[in-house]
C-alpha cells in the first residue's frame, strides 16, 4: 500500500501548475488494521485539508478519502450492537 506522503508527493509533482480540481465524484478508501493506523492516516491526510463526518476527509489537494477500520463491517453487522 502506498503511504499518504507518497500519494501527496506524486499528486503535487503531477498537478503542479495544473488547473485540474478533484470533485466528490472521486475518493480513495484506506482500510486500517488498528486505531493507531487510522489516527496516522487521518493526521497525515487531513493536514492542510478538511475533516468530514464518518471517516471522510478532504486532503490539501481536494481529494476525498475514506479512512476505515477493517473491523467496521463486523461491528455494523453485529446483531447485538
C-alpha atoms as a PDB file:
ATOM      1  CA  UNK A   1       0.000   0.000   0.000  1.00  0.00           C
ATOM      2  CA  UNK A   2       1.271   3.462  -0.849  1.00  0.00           C
ATOM      3  CA  UNK A   3       1.734   5.772   2.114  1.00  0.00           C
ATOM      4  CA  UNK A   4      -0.205   9.066   2.245  1.00  0.00           C
ATOM      5  CA  UNK A   5       3.036  11.036   1.957  1.00  0.00           C
ATOM      6  CA  UNK A   6       3.933   9.197  -1.287  1.00  0.00           C
ATOM      7  CA  UNK A   7       0.460   9.838  -2.688  1.00  0.00           C
ATOM      8  CA  UNK A   8       0.728  13.533  -1.818  1.00  0.00           C
ATOM      9  CA  UNK A   9       4.229  13.753  -3.275  1.00  0.00           C
ATOM     10  CA  UNK A  10       3.040  12.168  -6.518  1.00  0.00           C
ATOM     11  CA  UNK A  11      -0.010  14.438  -6.683  1.00  0.00           C
ATOM     12  CA  UNK A  12       1.997  17.601  -6.062  1.00  0.00           C
ATOM     13  CA  UNK A  13       4.526  16.656  -8.751  1.00  0.00           C
ATOM     14  CA  UNK A  14       1.882  15.749 -11.314  1.00  0.00           C
ATOM     15  CA  UNK A  15      -0.613  18.517 -10.605  1.00  0.00           C
ATOM     16  CA  UNK A  16       1.794  21.386 -10.002  1.00  0.00           C
ATOM     17  CA  UNK A  17       0.556  24.333 -12.058  1.00  0.00           C
ATOM     18  CA  UNK A  18      -2.430  22.341 -13.306  1.00  0.00           C
ATOM     19  CA  UNK A  19      -5.952  23.714 -13.336  1.00  0.00           C
ATOM     20  CA  UNK A  20      -7.283  20.232 -12.553  1.00  0.00           C
ATOM     21  CA  UNK A  21      -9.555  20.081  -9.498  1.00  0.00           C
ATOM     22  CA  UNK A  22     -10.884  16.990  -7.755  1.00  0.00           C
ATOM     23  CA  UNK A  23     -14.601  16.607  -7.050  1.00  0.00           C
ATOM     24  CA  UNK A  24     -16.559  14.422  -4.638  1.00  0.00           C
ATOM     25  CA  UNK A  25     -17.049  12.028  -7.559  1.00  0.00           C
ATOM     26  CA  UNK A  26     -13.598  10.593  -6.804  1.00  0.00           C
ATOM     27  CA  UNK A  27     -12.436   9.232  -3.463  1.00  0.00           C
ATOM     28  CA  UNK A  28      -9.830   6.833  -2.154  1.00  0.00           C
ATOM     29  CA  UNK A  29     -10.503   4.361   0.635  1.00  0.00           C
ATOM     30  CA  UNK A  30      -7.953   3.189   3.196  1.00  0.00           C
ATOM     31  CA  UNK A  31      -8.626   0.087   5.295  1.00  0.00           C
ATOM     32  CA  UNK A  32      -6.738   0.204   8.618  1.00  0.00           C
ATOM     33  CA  UNK A  33      -5.961  -2.701  10.931  1.00  0.00           C
ATOM     34  CA  UNK A  34      -5.563  -0.660  14.142  1.00  0.00           C
ATOM     35  CA  UNK A  35      -6.740   2.583  15.686  1.00  0.00           C
ATOM     36  CA  UNK A  36      -3.132   3.806  15.587  1.00  0.00           C
ATOM     37  CA  UNK A  37      -3.122   3.287  11.821  1.00  0.00           C
ATOM     38  CA  UNK A  38      -6.453   5.131  11.480  1.00  0.00           C
ATOM     39  CA  UNK A  39      -5.041   8.017  13.520  1.00  0.00           C
ATOM     40  CA  UNK A  40      -1.802   8.151  11.498  1.00  0.00           C
ATOM     41  CA  UNK A  41      -3.577   8.261   8.137  1.00  0.00           C
ATOM     42  CA  UNK A  42      -6.107  10.778   9.440  1.00  0.00           C
ATOM     43  CA  UNK A  43      -3.386  13.086  10.788  1.00  0.00           C
ATOM     44  CA  UNK A  44      -1.284  12.956   7.617  1.00  0.00           C
ATOM     45  CA  UNK A  45      -4.123  13.274   5.125  1.00  0.00           C
ATOM     46  CA  UNK A  46      -6.129  15.939   6.929  1.00  0.00           C
ATOM     47  CA  UNK A  47      -3.113  18.258   7.332  1.00  0.00           C
ATOM     48  CA  UNK A  48      -3.960  21.248   5.173  1.00  0.00           C
ATOM     49  CA  UNK A  49      -7.297  19.677   4.290  1.00  0.00           C
ATOM     50  CA  UNK A  50     -10.696  19.420   5.892  1.00  0.00           C
ATOM     51  CA  UNK A  51     -12.095  16.663   8.122  1.00  0.00           C
ATOM     52  CA  UNK A  52     -15.556  15.351   7.405  1.00  0.00           C
ATOM     53  CA  UNK A  53     -18.054  13.013   9.065  1.00  0.00           C
ATOM     54  CA  UNK A  54     -17.901   9.226   9.374  1.00  0.00           C
ATOM     55  CA  UNK A  55     -14.256   8.688   8.463  1.00  0.00           C
ATOM     56  CA  UNK A  56     -14.263  11.013   5.440  1.00  0.00           C
ATOM     57  CA  UNK A  57     -11.804  13.835   4.870  1.00  0.00           C
ATOM     58  CA  UNK A  58     -10.613  16.024   2.018  1.00  0.00           C
ATOM     59  CA  UNK A  59      -6.852  16.434   1.714  1.00  0.00           C
ATOM     60  CA  UNK A  60      -4.890  19.540   0.770  1.00  0.00           C
ATOM     61  CA  UNK A  61      -5.373  18.781  -2.944  1.00  0.00           C
ATOM     62  CA  UNK A  62      -9.158  18.454  -2.653  1.00  0.00           C
ATOM     63  CA  UNK A  63      -9.122  14.658  -2.943  1.00  0.00           C
ATOM     64  CA  UNK A  64     -11.697  12.861  -0.772  1.00  0.00           C
ATOM     65  CA  UNK A  65     -10.550   9.958   1.399  1.00  0.00           C
ATOM     66  CA  UNK A  66     -12.387   7.351   3.484  1.00  0.00           C
ATOM     67  CA  UNK A  67     -10.353   6.104   6.453  1.00  0.00           C
ATOM     68  CA  UNK A  68     -11.972   2.959   7.841  1.00  0.00           C
ATOM     69  CA  UNK A  69     -11.016   0.257  10.338  1.00  0.00           C
ATOM     70  CA  UNK A  70     -11.191  -3.233   8.823  1.00  0.00           C
ATOM     71  CA  UNK A  71     -13.429  -4.329  11.687  1.00  0.00           C
ATOM     72  CA  UNK A  72     -16.126  -1.792  10.741  1.00  0.00           C
ATOM     73  CA  UNK A  73     -18.213  -4.263   8.699  1.00  0.00           C
ATOM     74  CA  UNK A  74     -18.185  -6.762  11.543  1.00  0.00           C
ATOM     75  CA  UNK A  75     -19.208  -4.126  14.069  1.00  0.00           C
ATOM     76  CA  UNK A  76     -22.042  -2.841  11.890  1.00  0.00           C
ATOM     77  CA  UNK A  77     -23.436  -6.331  11.260  1.00  0.00           C
ATOM     78  CA  UNK A  78     -23.350  -7.404  14.919  1.00  0.00           C
ATOM     79  CA  UNK A  79     -26.913  -8.338  15.956  1.00  0.00           C
ATOM     80  CA  UNK A  80     -26.181  -7.014  19.458  1.00  0.00           C
ATOM     81  CA  UNK A  81     -24.609  -3.582  18.955  1.00  0.00           C
END
